[in-house]
Amino acid sequence: AVKNDVRTFRNYEMTYHRPTTETPDGTP
């Protein structure tokens, strides 16, 4: 009803890319 993506995937792959900049305390 709230339009969530309710699909389930087997063999799913998700790639995260390192942030380009970040301060020493971790905030962008």
PDB file of all heavy atoms in Angstrom:
ATOM      1  N   ALA A   1       0.818  -1.220   0.000  1.00  0.00           N
ATOM      2  CA  ALA A   1       0.000   0.000   0.000  1.00  0.00           C
ATOM      3  C   ALA A   1       0.850   1.268   0.000  1.00  0.00           C
ATOM      4  O   ALA A   1       0.458   2.278  -0.590  1.00  0.00           O
ATOM      5  CB  ALA A   1      -0.950   0.003   1.193  1.00  0.00           C
ATOM      6  N   VAL A   2       2.012   1.238   0.641  1.00  0.00           N
ATOM      7  CA  VAL A   2       2.885   2.426   0.657  1.00  0.00           C
ATOM      8  C   VAL A   2       3.942   2.359  -0.451  1.00  0.00           C
ATOM      9  O   VAL A   2       4.887   3.138  -0.453  1.00  0.00           O
ATOM     10  CB  VAL A   2       3.542   2.646   2.041  1.00  0.00           C
ATOM     11  CG1 VAL A   2       2.488   2.919   3.100  1.00  0.00           C
ATOM     12  CG2 VAL A   2       4.444   1.494   2.429  1.00  0.00           C
ATOM     13  N   LYS A   3       3.760   1.418  -1.366  1.00  0.00           N
ATOM     14  CA  LYS A   3       4.617   1.275  -2.546  1.00  0.00           C
ATOM     15  C   LYS A   3       6.054   0.861  -2.231  1.00  0.00           C
ATOM     16  O   LYS A   3       7.001   1.249  -2.937  1.00  0.00           O
ATOM     17  CB  LYS A   3       4.577   2.537  -3.399  1.00  0.00           C
ATOM     18  CG  LYS A   3       3.188   2.850  -3.934  1.00  0.00           C
ATOM     19  CD  LYS A   3       3.207   4.055  -4.834  1.00  0.00           C
ATOM     20  CE  LYS A   3       1.907   4.375  -5.517  1.00  0.00           C
ATOM     21  NZ  LYS A   3       0.677   4.092  -4.969  1.00  0.00           N
ATOM     22  N   ASN A   4       6.244   0.079  -1.168  1.00  0.00           N
ATOM     23  CA  ASN A   4       7.558  -0.514  -0.904  1.00  0.00           C
ATOM     24  C   ASN A   4       7.866  -1.519  -2.006  1.00  0.00           C
ATOM     25  O   ASN A   4       6.963  -2.158  -2.547  1.00  0.00           O
ATOM     26  CB  ASN A   4       7.561  -1.268   0.427  1.00  0.00           C
ATOM     27  CG  ASN A   4       7.789  -0.374   1.612  1.00  0.00           C
ATOM     28  OD1 ASN A   4       7.832   0.841   1.497  1.00  0.00           O
ATOM     29  ND2 ASN A   4       7.928  -0.980   2.772  1.00  0.00           N
ATOM     30  N   ASP A   5       9.137  -1.678  -2.296  1.00  0.00           N
ATOM     31  CA  ASP A   5       9.568  -2.725  -3.213  1.00  0.00           C
ATOM     32  C   ASP A   5       9.545  -4.037  -2.427  1.00  0.00           C
ATOM     33  O   ASP A   5      10.380  -4.266  -1.562  1.00  0.00           O
ATOM     34  CB  ASP A   5      10.977  -2.428  -3.722  1.00  0.00           C
ATOM     35  CG  ASP A   5      11.472  -3.455  -4.733  1.00  0.00           C
ATOM     36  OD1 ASP A   5      10.795  -4.489  -4.939  1.00  0.00           O
ATOM     37  OD2 ASP A   5      12.549  -3.229  -5.312  1.00  0.00           O
ATOM     38  N   VAL A   6       8.549  -4.867  -2.690  1.00  0.00           N
ATOM     39  CA  VAL A   6       8.371  -6.100  -1.918  1.00  0.00           C
ATOM     40  C   VAL A   6       8.910  -7.329  -2.651  1.00  0.00           C
ATOM     41  O   VAL A   6       8.637  -8.455  -2.256  1.00  0.00           O
ATOM     42  CB  VAL A   6       6.887  -6.304  -1.520  1.00  0.00           C
ATOM     43  CG1 VAL A   6       6.437  -5.233  -0.544  1.00  0.00           C
ATOM     44  CG2 VAL A   6       5.985  -6.328  -2.750  1.00  0.00           C
ATOM     45  N   ARG A   7       9.694  -7.098  -3.674  1.00  0.00           N
ATOM     46  CA  ARG A   7      10.298  -8.227  -4.381  1.00  0.00           C
ATOM     47  C   ARG A   7      11.432  -8.815  -3.543  1.00  0.00           C
ATOM     48  O   ARG A   7      12.103  -8.102  -2.797  1.00  0.00           O
ATOM     49  CB  ARG A   7      10.851  -7.786  -5.737  1.00  0.00           C
ATOM     50  CG  ARG A   7       9.782  -7.293  -6.698  1.00  0.00           C
ATOM     51  CD  ARG A   7      10.384  -6.743  -7.954  1.00  0.00           C
ATOM     52  NE  ARG A   7      11.219  -5.571  -7.639  1.00  0.00           N
ATOM     53  CZ  ARG A   7      12.070  -5.014  -8.500  1.00  0.00           C
ATOM     54  NH1 ARG A   7      12.210  -5.517  -9.710  1.00  0.00           N
ATOM     55  NH2 ARG A   7      12.778  -3.962  -8.144  1.00  0.00           N
ATOM     56  N   THR A   8      11.622 -10.116  -3.686  1.00  0.00           N
ATOM     57  CA  THR A   8      12.729 -10.821  -3.046  1.00  0.00           C
ATOM     58  C   THR A   8      13.578 -11.407  -4.156  1.00  0.00           C
ATOM     59  O   THR A   8      13.042 -11.981  -5.103  1.00  0.00           O
ATOM     60  CB  THR A   8      12.207 -11.933  -2.119  1.00  0.00           C
ATOM     61  OG1 THR A   8      11.398 -11.338  -1.104  1.00  0.00           O
ATOM     62  CG2 THR A   8      13.346 -12.702  -1.470  1.00  0.00           C
ATOM     63  N   PHE A   9      14.890 -11.249  -4.064  1.00  0.00           N
ATOM     64  CA  PHE A   9      15.806 -11.746  -5.086  1.00  0.00           C
ATOM     65  C   PHE A   9      16.780 -12.734  -4.491  1.00  0.00           C
ATOM     66  O   PHE A   9      17.429 -12.447  -3.494  1.00  0.00           O
ATOM     67  CB  PHE A   9      16.633 -10.603  -5.688  1.00  0.00           C
ATOM     68  CG  PHE A   9      15.830  -9.547  -6.382  1.00  0.00           C
ATOM     69  CD1 PHE A   9      15.606  -8.321  -5.772  1.00  0.00           C
ATOM     70  CD2 PHE A   9      15.312  -9.774  -7.648  1.00  0.00           C
ATOM     71  CE1 PHE A   9      14.882  -7.340  -6.412  1.00  0.00           C
ATOM     72  CE2 PHE A   9      14.579  -8.791  -8.287  1.00  0.00           C
ATOM     73  CZ  PHE A   9      14.362  -7.569  -7.673  1.00  0.00           C
ATOM     74  N   ARG A  10      16.914 -13.895  -5.101  1.00  0.00           N
ATOM     75  CA  ARG A  10      18.004 -14.812  -4.799  1.00  0.00           C
ATOM     76  C   ARG A  10      19.158 -14.412  -5.721  1.00  0.00           C
ATOM     77  O   ARG A  10      18.945 -13.783  -6.751  1.00  0.00           O
ATOM     78  CB  ARG A  10      17.620 -16.249  -5.088  1.00  0.00           C
ATOM     79  CG  ARG A  10      16.595 -16.776  -4.126  1.00  0.00           C
ATOM     80  CD  ARG A  10      16.618 -18.298  -4.081  1.00  0.00           C
ATOM     81  NE  ARG A  10      15.447 -18.782  -3.402  1.00  0.00           N
ATOM     82  CZ  ARG A  10      15.257 -18.722  -2.097  1.00  0.00           C
ATOM     83  NH1 ARG A  10      16.166 -18.188  -1.321  1.00  0.00           N
ATOM     84  NH2 ARG A  10      14.167 -19.199  -1.559  1.00  0.00           N
ATOM     85  N   ASN A  11      20.375 -14.775  -5.376  1.00  0.00           N
ATOM     86  CA  ASN A  11      21.552 -14.439  -6.183  1.00  0.00           C
ATOM     87  C   ASN A  11      21.667 -12.935  -6.422  1.00  0.00           C
ATOM     88  O   ASN A  11      22.050 -12.487  -7.492  1.00  0.00           O
ATOM     89  CB  ASN A  11      21.524 -15.202  -7.517  1.00  0.00           C
ATOM     90  CG  ASN A  11      21.452 -16.691  -7.297  1.00  0.00           C
ATOM     91  OD1 ASN A  11      22.172 -17.240  -6.480  1.00  0.00           O
ATOM     92  ND2 ASN A  11      20.540 -17.348  -7.998  1.00  0.00           N
ATOM     93  N   TYR A  12      21.314 -12.178  -5.403  1.00  0.00           N
ATOM     94  CA  TYR A  12      21.373 -10.716  -5.480  1.00  0.00           C
ATOM     95  C   TYR A  12      22.793 -10.240  -5.211  1.00  0.00           C
ATOM     96  O   TYR A  12      23.503 -10.829  -4.390  1.00  0.00           O
ATOM     97  CB  TYR A  12      20.423 -10.121  -4.431  1.00  0.00           C
ATOM     98  CG  TYR A  12      20.300  -8.623  -4.472  1.00  0.00           C
ATOM     99  CD1 TYR A  12      19.602  -7.993  -5.497  1.00  0.00           C
ATOM    100  CD2 TYR A  12      20.861  -7.834  -3.482  1.00  0.00           C
ATOM    101  CE1 TYR A  12      19.478  -6.612  -5.530  1.00  0.00           C
ATOM    102  CE2 TYR A  12      20.738  -6.452  -3.501  1.00  0.00           C
ATOM    103  CZ  TYR A  12      20.049  -5.847  -4.531  1.00  0.00           C
ATOM    104  OH  TYR A  12      19.916  -4.485  -4.564  1.00  0.00           O
ATOM    105  N   GLU A  13      23.212  -9.218  -5.903  1.00  0.00           N
ATOM    106  CA  GLU A  13      24.526  -8.617  -5.683  1.00  0.00           C
ATOM    107  C   GLU A  13      24.355  -7.111  -5.567  1.00  0.00           C
ATOM    108  O   GLU A  13      23.685  -6.492  -6.387  1.00  0.00           O
ATOM    109  CB  GLU A  13      25.481  -8.917  -6.838  1.00  0.00           C
ATOM    110  CG  GLU A  13      25.812 -10.386  -6.964  1.00  0.00           C
ATOM    111  CD  GLU A  13      26.800 -10.678  -8.081  1.00  0.00           C
ATOM    112  OE1 GLU A  13      27.457  -9.728  -8.575  1.00  0.00           O
ATOM    113  OE2 GLU A  13      26.909 -11.849  -8.456  1.00  0.00           O
ATOM    114  N   MET A  14      24.981  -6.534  -4.548  1.00  0.00           N
ATOM    115  CA  MET A  14      24.943  -5.091  -4.348  1.00  0.00           C
ATOM    116  C   MET A  14      26.369  -4.607  -4.117  1.00  0.00           C
ATOM    117  O   MET A  14      27.081  -5.154  -3.278  1.00  0.00           O
ATOM    118  CB  MET A  14      24.063  -4.733  -3.165  1.00  0.00           C
ATOM    119  CG  MET A  14      23.844  -3.265  -2.985  1.00  0.00           C
ATOM    120  SD  MET A  14      22.559  -3.001  -1.744  1.00  0.00           S
ATOM    121  CE  MET A  14      22.001  -1.390  -2.228  1.00  0.00           C
ATOM    122  N   THR A  15      26.769  -3.614  -4.889  1.00  0.00           N
ATOM    123  CA  THR A  15      28.121  -3.067  -4.813  1.00  0.00           C
ATOM    124  C   THR A  15      28.070  -1.672  -4.217  1.00  0.00           C
ATOM    125  O   THR A  15      27.300  -0.823  -4.668  1.00  0.00           O
ATOM    126  CB  THR A  15      28.761  -3.020  -6.213  1.00  0.00           C
ATOM    127  OG1 THR A  15      28.823  -4.356  -6.730  1.00  0.00           O
ATOM    128  CG2 THR A  15      30.165  -2.436  -6.153  1.00  0.00           C
ATOM    129  N   TYR A  16      28.891  -1.463  -3.194  1.00  0.00           N
ATOM    130  CA  TYR A  16      29.040  -0.159  -2.560  1.00  0.00           C
ATOM    131  C   TYR A  16      30.357   0.443  -3.031  1.00  0.00           C
ATOM    132  O   TYR A  16      31.375  -0.239  -3.073  1.00  0.00           O
ATOM    133  CB  TYR A  16      29.066  -0.284  -1.037  1.00  0.00           C
ATOM    134  CG  TYR A  16      27.781  -0.784  -0.450  1.00  0.00           C
ATOM    135  CD1 TYR A  16      27.583  -2.138  -0.211  1.00  0.00           C
ATOM    136  CD2 TYR A  16      26.767   0.099  -0.118  1.00  0.00           C
ATOM    137  CE1 TYR A  16      26.398  -2.603   0.338  1.00  0.00           C
ATOM    138  CE2 TYR A  16      25.569  -0.352   0.430  1.00  0.00           C
ATOM    139  CZ  TYR A  16      25.402  -1.697   0.653  1.00  0.00           C
ATOM    140  OH  TYR A  16      24.223  -2.148   1.184  1.00  0.00           O
ATOM    141  N   HIS A  17      30.336   1.742  -3.356  1.00  0.00           N
ATOM    142  CA  HIS A  17      31.522   2.452  -3.829  1.00  0.00           C
ATOM    143  C   HIS A  17      32.015   3.385  -2.727  1.00  0.00           C
ATOM    144  O   HIS A  17      31.218   4.097  -2.112  1.00  0.00           O
ATOM    145  CB  HIS A  17      31.191   3.238  -5.095  1.00  0.00           C
ATOM    146  CG  HIS A  17      30.661   2.357  -6.188  1.00  0.00           C
ATOM    147  ND1 HIS A  17      31.472   1.778  -7.137  1.00  0.00           N
ATOM    148  CD2 HIS A  17      29.399   1.912  -6.455  1.00  0.00           C
ATOM    149  CE1 HIS A  17      30.740   1.042  -7.944  1.00  0.00           C
ATOM    150  NE2 HIS A  17      29.477   1.106  -7.559  1.00  0.00           N
ATOM    151  N   ARG A  18      33.317   3.376  -2.491  1.00  0.00           N
ATOM    152  CA  ARG A  18      33.913   4.203  -1.447  1.00  0.00           C
ATOM    153  C   ARG A  18      33.552   5.673  -1.676  1.00  0.00           C
ATOM    154  O   ARG A  18      33.635   6.164  -2.793  1.00  0.00           O
ATOM    155  CB  ARG A  18      35.431   4.045  -1.452  1.00  0.00           C
ATOM    156  CG  ARG A  18      36.136   4.863  -0.374  1.00  0.00           C
ATOM    157  CD  ARG A  18      37.662   4.768  -0.493  1.00  0.00           C
ATOM    158  NE  ARG A  18      38.140   3.411  -0.391  1.00  0.00           N
ATOM    159  CZ  ARG A  18      38.301   2.740   0.758  1.00  0.00           C
ATOM    160  NH1 ARG A  18      38.006   3.302   1.899  1.00  0.00           N
ATOM    161  NH2 ARG A  18      38.751   1.509   0.752  1.00  0.00           N
ATOM    162  N   PRO A  19      33.147   6.395  -0.611  1.00  0.00           N
ATOM    163  CA  PRO A  19      32.874   7.823  -0.765  1.00  0.00           C
ATOM    164  C   PRO A  19      34.137   8.556  -1.234  1.00  0.00           C
ATOM    165  O   PRO A  19      35.247   8.178  -0.853  1.00  0.00           O
ATOM    166  CB  PRO A  19      32.475   8.289   0.639  1.00  0.00           C
ATOM    167  CG  PRO A  19      32.236   7.060   1.429  1.00  0.00           C
ATOM    168  CD  PRO A  19      32.954   5.938   0.752  1.00  0.00           C
ATOM    169  N   THR A  20      33.950   9.586  -2.038  1.00  0.00           N
ATOM    170  CA  THR A  20      35.105  10.299  -2.575  1.00  0.00           C
ATOM    171  C   THR A  20      35.764  11.199  -1.545  1.00  0.00           C
ATOM    172  O   THR A  20      36.976  11.375  -1.567  1.00  0.00           O
ATOM    173  CB  THR A  20      34.711  11.134  -3.809  1.00  0.00           C
ATOM    174  OG1 THR A  20      33.625  11.994  -3.436  1.00  0.00           O
ATOM    175  CG2 THR A  20      34.285  10.238  -4.948  1.00  0.00           C
ATOM    176  N   THR A  21      34.987  11.776  -0.632  1.00  0.00           N
ATOM    177  CA  THR A  21      35.557  12.622   0.422  1.00  0.00           C
ATOM    178  C   THR A  21      34.857  12.342   1.737  1.00  0.00           C
ATOM    179  O   THR A  21      33.689  11.985   1.776  1.00  0.00           O
ATOM    180  CB  THR A  21      35.396  14.125   0.096  1.00  0.00           C
ATOM    181  OG1 THR A  21      34.009  14.403  -0.061  1.00  0.00           O
ATOM    182  CG2 THR A  21      36.148  14.509  -1.153  1.00  0.00           C
ATOM    183  N   GLU A  22      35.631  12.510   2.806  1.00  0.00           N
ATOM    184  CA  GLU A  22      35.066  12.294   4.139  1.00  0.00           C
ATOM    185  C   GLU A  22      35.998  12.954   5.153  1.00  0.00           C
ATOM    186  O   GLU A  22      37.210  12.925   4.998  1.00  0.00           O
ATOM    187  CB  GLU A  22      34.955  10.798   4.406  1.00  0.00           C
ATOM    188  CG  GLU A  22      34.098  10.466   5.570  1.00  0.00           C
ATOM    189  CD  GLU A  22      33.458   9.084   5.422  1.00  0.00           C
ATOM    190  OE1 GLU A  22      34.034   8.210   4.760  1.00  0.00           O
ATOM    191  OE2 GLU A  22      32.380   8.905   5.969  1.00  0.00           O
ATOM    192  N   THR A  23      35.427  13.543   6.172  1.00  0.00           N
ATOM    193  CA  THR A  23      36.240  14.194   7.195  1.00  0.00           C
ATOM    194  C   THR A  23      36.679  13.152   8.226  1.00  0.00           C
ATOM    195  O   THR A  23      36.129  12.054   8.278  1.00  0.00           O
ATOM    196  CB  THR A  23      35.442  15.309   7.900  1.00  0.00           C
ATOM    197  OG1 THR A  23      34.302  14.724   8.518  1.00  0.00           O
ATOM    198  CG2 THR A  23      35.007  16.376   6.921  1.00  0.00           C
ATOM    199  N   PRO A  24      37.652  13.471   9.087  1.00  0.00           N
ATOM    200  CA  PRO A  24      38.138  12.500  10.081  1.00  0.00           C
ATOM    201  C   PRO A  24      37.046  11.973  11.006  1.00  0.00           C
ATOM    202  O   PRO A  24      37.126  10.844  11.471  1.00  0.00           O
ATOM    203  CB  PRO A  24      39.188  13.291  10.857  1.00  0.00           C
ATOM    204  CG  PRO A  24      39.652  14.331   9.915  1.00  0.00           C
ATOM    205  CD  PRO A  24      38.442  14.696   9.087  1.00  0.00           C
ATOM    206  N   ASP A  25      35.998  12.755  11.293  1.00  0.00           N
ATOM    207  CA  ASP A  25      34.946  12.253  12.181  1.00  0.00           C
ATOM    208  C   ASP A  25      33.914  11.412  11.435  1.00  0.00           C
ATOM    209  O   ASP A  25      32.952  10.940  12.013  1.00  0.00           O
ATOM    210  CB  ASP A  25      34.260  13.395  12.938  1.00  0.00           C
ATOM    211  CG  ASP A  25      33.409  14.291  12.034  1.00  0.00           C
ATOM    212  OD1 ASP A  25      33.405  14.084  10.800  1.00  0.00           O
ATOM    213  OD2 ASP A  25      32.747  15.182  12.584  1.00  0.00           O
ATOM    214  N   GLY A  26      34.110  11.236  10.129  1.00  0.00           N
ATOM    215  CA  GLY A  26      33.221  10.377   9.359  1.00  0.00           C
ATOM    216  C   GLY A  26      32.102  11.105   8.646  1.00  0.00           C
ATOM    217  O   GLY A  26      31.395  10.512   7.856  1.00  0.00           O
ATOM    218  N   THR A  27      31.916  12.391   8.897  1.00  0.00           N
ATOM    219  CA  THR A  27      30.841  13.106   8.219  1.00  0.00           C
ATOM    220  C   THR A  27      31.301  13.521   6.832  1.00  0.00           C
ATOM    221  O   THR A  27      32.457  13.881   6.635  1.00  0.00           O
ATOM    222  CB  THR A  27      30.390  14.357   9.010  1.00  0.00           C
ATOM    223  OG1 THR A  27      31.527  15.208   9.169  1.00  0.00           O
ATOM    224  CG2 THR A  27      29.815  13.983  10.347  1.00  0.00           C
ATOM    225  N   PRO A  28      30.408  13.464   5.851  1.00  0.00           N
ATOM    226  CA  PRO A  28      30.807  13.877   4.505  1.00  0.00           C
ATOM    227  C   PRO A  28      31.149  15.370   4.486  1.00  0.00           C
ATOM    228  O   PRO A  28      30.546  16.153   5.198  1.00  0.00           O
ATOM    229  CB  PRO A  28      29.561  13.602   3.664  1.00  0.00           C
ATOM    230  CG  PRO A  28      28.703  12.712   4.476  1.00  0.00           C
ATOM    231  CD  PRO A  28      29.039  12.982   5.914  1.00  0.00           C
TER     232      PRO A  28
END
